[in-house]
C-alpha atoms as a PDB file:
ATOM      1  CA  MET A   1       8.661  78.544 -96.768  1.00  0.00           C
ATOM      2  CA  PRO A   2      12.009  77.600 -95.159  1.00  0.00           C
ATOM      3  CA  GLN A   3      12.792  78.935 -91.701  1.00  0.00           C
ATOM      4  CA  TYR A   4      16.122  80.365 -90.575  1.00  0.00           C
ATOM      5  CA  LEU A   5      17.640  81.143 -87.204  1.00  0.00           C
ATOM      6  CA  VAL A   6      19.314  84.554 -87.040  1.00  0.00           C
ATOM      7  CA  ALA A   7      21.284  84.503 -83.771  1.00  0.00           C
ATOM      8  CA  ILE A   8      23.077  87.452 -82.193  1.00  0.00           C
ATOM      9  CA  HIS A   9      26.388  86.575 -80.493  1.00  0.00           C
ATOM     10  CA  LEU A  10      27.415  88.677 -77.512  1.00  0.00           C
ATOM     11  CA  PRO A  11      30.482  88.601 -75.258  1.00  0.00           C
ATOM     12  CA  ASP A  12      30.029  86.737 -71.976  1.00  0.00           C
ATOM     13  CA  ASP A  13      30.401  89.972 -69.996  1.00  0.00           C
ATOM     14  CA  TYR A  14      27.755  91.805 -72.065  1.00  0.00           C
ATOM     15  CA  ASP A  15      25.623  94.107 -69.920  1.00  0.00           C
ATOM     16  CA  PRO A  16      22.236  94.942 -71.482  1.00  0.00           C
ATOM     17  CA  CYS A  17      21.887  97.829 -69.031  1.00  0.00           C
ATOM     18  CA  LYS A  18      24.619  99.612 -70.984  1.00  0.00           C
ATOM     19  CA  GLU A  19      22.688  99.511 -74.281  1.00  0.00           C
ATOM     20  CA  ASP A  20      22.101 103.036 -75.479  1.00  0.00           C
ATOM     21  CA  GLU A  21      18.891 104.451 -76.908  1.00  0.00           C
ATOM     22  CA  ALA A  22      20.278 104.417 -80.462  1.00  0.00           C
ATOM     23  CA  LEU A  23      20.932 100.662 -80.291  1.00  0.00           C
ATOM     24  CA  ARG A  24      17.439  99.905 -78.966  1.00  0.00           C
ATOM     25  CA  HIS A  25      15.937 102.194 -81.612  1.00  0.00           C
ATOM     26  CA  ASP A  26      17.803 100.442 -84.432  1.00  0.00           C
ATOM     27  CA  ILE A  27      16.680  97.012 -83.199  1.00  0.00           C
ATOM     28  CA  ASP A  28      13.074  98.236 -82.882  1.00  0.00           C
ATOM     29  CA  LEU A  29      13.207  99.535 -86.473  1.00  0.00           C
ATOM     30  CA  LEU A  30      14.573  96.203 -87.698  1.00  0.00           C
ATOM     31  CA  ASN A  31      11.778  94.331 -85.904  1.00  0.00           C
ATOM     32  CA  GLU A  32       9.183  96.638 -87.455  1.00  0.00           C
ATOM     33  CA  GLU A  33      10.719  96.060 -90.892  1.00  0.00           C
ATOM     34  CA  MET A  34      10.660  92.273 -90.398  1.00  0.00           C
ATOM     35  CA  VAL A  35       7.003  92.362 -89.337  1.00  0.00           C
ATOM     36  CA  ALA A  36       6.084  94.585 -92.284  1.00  0.00           C
ATOM     37  CA  ALA A  37       7.854  92.156 -94.655  1.00  0.00           C
ATOM     38  CA  GLY A  38       5.926  89.254 -93.107  1.00  0.00           C
ATOM     39  CA  ILE A  39       9.052  87.180 -92.463  1.00  0.00           C
ATOM     40  CA  ARG A  40       9.355  87.266 -88.657  1.00  0.00           C
ATOM     41  CA  THR A  41       8.010  84.126 -86.986  1.00  0.00           C
ATOM     42  CA  PHE A  42       9.488  84.613 -83.518  1.00  0.00           C
ATOM     43  CA  VAL A  43      11.976  86.864 -81.749  1.00  0.00           C
ATOM     44  CA  GLY A  44      13.510  86.503 -78.300  1.00  0.00           C
ATOM     45  CA  GLY A  45      16.216  88.045 -76.199  1.00  0.00           C
ATOM     46  CA  LEU A  46      17.977  85.852 -73.663  1.00  0.00           C
ATOM     47  CA  GLN A  47      19.018  86.573 -70.093  1.00  0.00           C
ATOM     48  CA  PRO A  48      22.787  86.818 -69.422  1.00  0.00           C
ATOM     49  CA  VAL A  49      24.809  83.620 -69.825  1.00  0.00           C
ATOM     50  CA  SER A  50      25.354  83.604 -66.053  1.00  0.00           C
ATOM     51  CA  THR A  51      21.696  82.506 -65.684  1.00  0.00           C
ATOM     52  CA  ALA A  52      22.129  79.427 -67.912  1.00  0.00           C
ATOM     53  CA  MET A  53      21.874  75.837 -66.693  1.00  0.00           C
ATOM     54  CA  SER A  54      23.130  72.802 -68.611  1.00  0.00           C
ATOM     55  CA  VAL A  55      21.890  69.219 -68.562  1.00  0.00           C
ATOM     56  CA  ARG A  56      24.233  66.453 -69.699  1.00  0.00           C
ATOM     57  CA  ARG A  57      23.597  62.730 -69.982  1.00  0.00           C
ATOM     58  CA  LYS A  58      26.394  60.748 -68.351  1.00  0.00           C
ATOM     59  CA  PRO A  59      27.586  57.360 -69.691  1.00  0.00           C
ATOM     60  CA  ASP A  60      25.621  55.585 -66.928  1.00  0.00           C
ATOM     61  CA  GLY A  61      22.419  57.237 -68.179  1.00  0.00           C
ATOM     62  CA  LYS A  62      22.064  59.608 -65.231  1.00  0.00           C
ATOM     63  CA  LEU A  63      21.667  63.317 -65.869  1.00  0.00           C
ATOM     64  CA  LEU A  64      24.045  65.963 -64.580  1.00  0.00           C
ATOM     65  CA  VAL A  65      22.706  69.501 -64.110  1.00  0.00           C
ATOM     66  CA  THR A  66      25.295  72.250 -63.784  1.00  0.00           C
ATOM     67  CA  ASP A  67      25.365  76.027 -63.650  1.00  0.00           C
ATOM     68  CA  GLY A  68      26.385  77.833 -66.799  1.00  0.00           C
ATOM     69  CA  PRO A  69      26.299  77.273 -70.523  1.00  0.00           C
ATOM     70  CA  TYR A  70      27.026  73.898 -72.096  1.00  0.00           C
ATOM     71  CA  ILE A  71      30.116  75.122 -73.935  1.00  0.00           C
ATOM     72  CA  GLU A  72      32.849  77.327 -72.487  1.00  0.00           C
ATOM     73  CA  THR A  73      33.277  80.199 -74.958  1.00  0.00           C
ATOM     74  CA  LYS A  74      33.950  83.911 -74.951  1.00  0.00           C
ATOM     75  CA  GLU A  75      30.630  84.640 -76.669  1.00  0.00           C
ATOM     76  CA  HIS A  76      27.100  83.326 -76.326  1.00  0.00           C
ATOM     77  CA  ILE A  77      23.750  83.713 -78.058  1.00  0.00           C
ATOM     78  CA  GLY A  78      22.139  86.801 -76.604  1.00  0.00           C
ATOM     79  CA  GLY A  79      18.992  86.799 -78.713  1.00  0.00           C
ATOM     80  CA  PHE A  80      17.562  85.506 -81.934  1.00  0.00           C
ATOM     81  CA  TRP A  81      14.912  85.688 -84.617  1.00  0.00           C
ATOM     82  CA  VAL A  82      13.190  82.868 -86.436  1.00  0.00           C
ATOM     83  CA  LEU A  83      12.474  84.069 -89.957  1.00  0.00           C
ATOM     84  CA  GLU A  84      10.630  82.605 -92.914  1.00  0.00           C
ATOM     85  CA  ALA A  85      12.665  83.412 -96.007  1.00  0.00           C
ATOM     86  CA  ALA A  86      12.675  82.162 -99.581  1.00  0.00           C
ATOM     87  CA  ASP A  87      16.293  81.004 -99.356  1.00  0.00           C
ATOM     88  CA  MET A  88      19.613  81.477 -97.562  1.00  0.00           C
ATOM     89  CA  GLN A  89      20.412  84.612 -99.578  1.00  0.00           C
ATOM     90  CA  GLU A  90      17.262  86.342 -98.333  1.00  0.00           C
ATOM     91  CA  ALA A  91      17.949  85.160 -94.767  1.00  0.00           C
ATOM     92  CA  LEU A  92      21.525  86.478 -95.017  1.00  0.00           C
ATOM     93  CA  ALA A  93      20.232  89.862 -96.164  1.00  0.00           C
ATOM     94  CA  TRP A  94      18.238  90.045 -92.924  1.00  0.00           C
ATOM     95  CA  GLY A  95      21.265  88.761 -90.994  1.00  0.00           C
ATOM     96  CA  ARG A  96      23.322  91.628 -92.374  1.00  0.00           C
ATOM     97  CA  LYS A  97      20.692  94.093 -91.188  1.00  0.00           C
ATOM     98  CA  ALA A  98      20.689  92.412 -87.765  1.00  0.00           C
ATOM     99  CA  ALA A  99      24.486  92.681 -87.472  1.00  0.00           C
ATOM    100  CA  ILE A 100      24.265  96.403 -88.238  1.00  0.00           C
ATOM    101  CA  ALA A 101      21.350  97.074 -85.873  1.00  0.00           C
ATOM    102  CA  CYS A 102      22.735  94.984 -83.000  1.00  0.00           C
ATOM    103  CA  ARG A 103      26.357  95.993 -83.532  1.00  0.00           C
ATOM    104  CA  ALA A 104      27.327  92.347 -82.964  1.00  0.00           C
ATOM    105  CA  PRO A 105      28.209  89.201 -84.898  1.00  0.00           C
ATOM    106  CA  VAL A 106      25.252  87.278 -86.328  1.00  0.00           C
ATOM    107  CA  GLU A 107      24.874  83.615 -87.274  1.00  0.00           C
ATOM    108  CA  VAL A 108      22.308  82.609 -89.900  1.00  0.00           C
ATOM    109  CA  ARG A 109      21.375  78.924 -90.005  1.00  0.00           C
ATOM    110  CA  PRO A 110      18.529  77.023 -91.693  1.00  0.00           C
ATOM    111  CA  PHE A 111      16.202  74.733 -89.760  1.00  0.00           C
ATOM    112  CA  HIS A 112      15.716  71.128 -90.894  1.00  0.00           C
END
């Protein structure tokens, strides 16, 4: 069965300490629903973007390691699910549920 990434996008200044009980409850319910449906392969929340490190290959072949995310944006991936779904429409249905539960934009993308 095809696998899909369902990624939650959060603002760079997002503070998980400010998540309320209702938000955590809704995400827990979504996770339980995904497990019950047998579609959840993996789930992970990420530390704040300020903890990221980037590795870039320079033209001379040497590697440059820097603090921070690879791309300068106003949002970053704060967590994600890997789901096994029949097709993109099924994955998008779960993405819609994730956007509601997480109260944040969601990206749904198939794996190769």
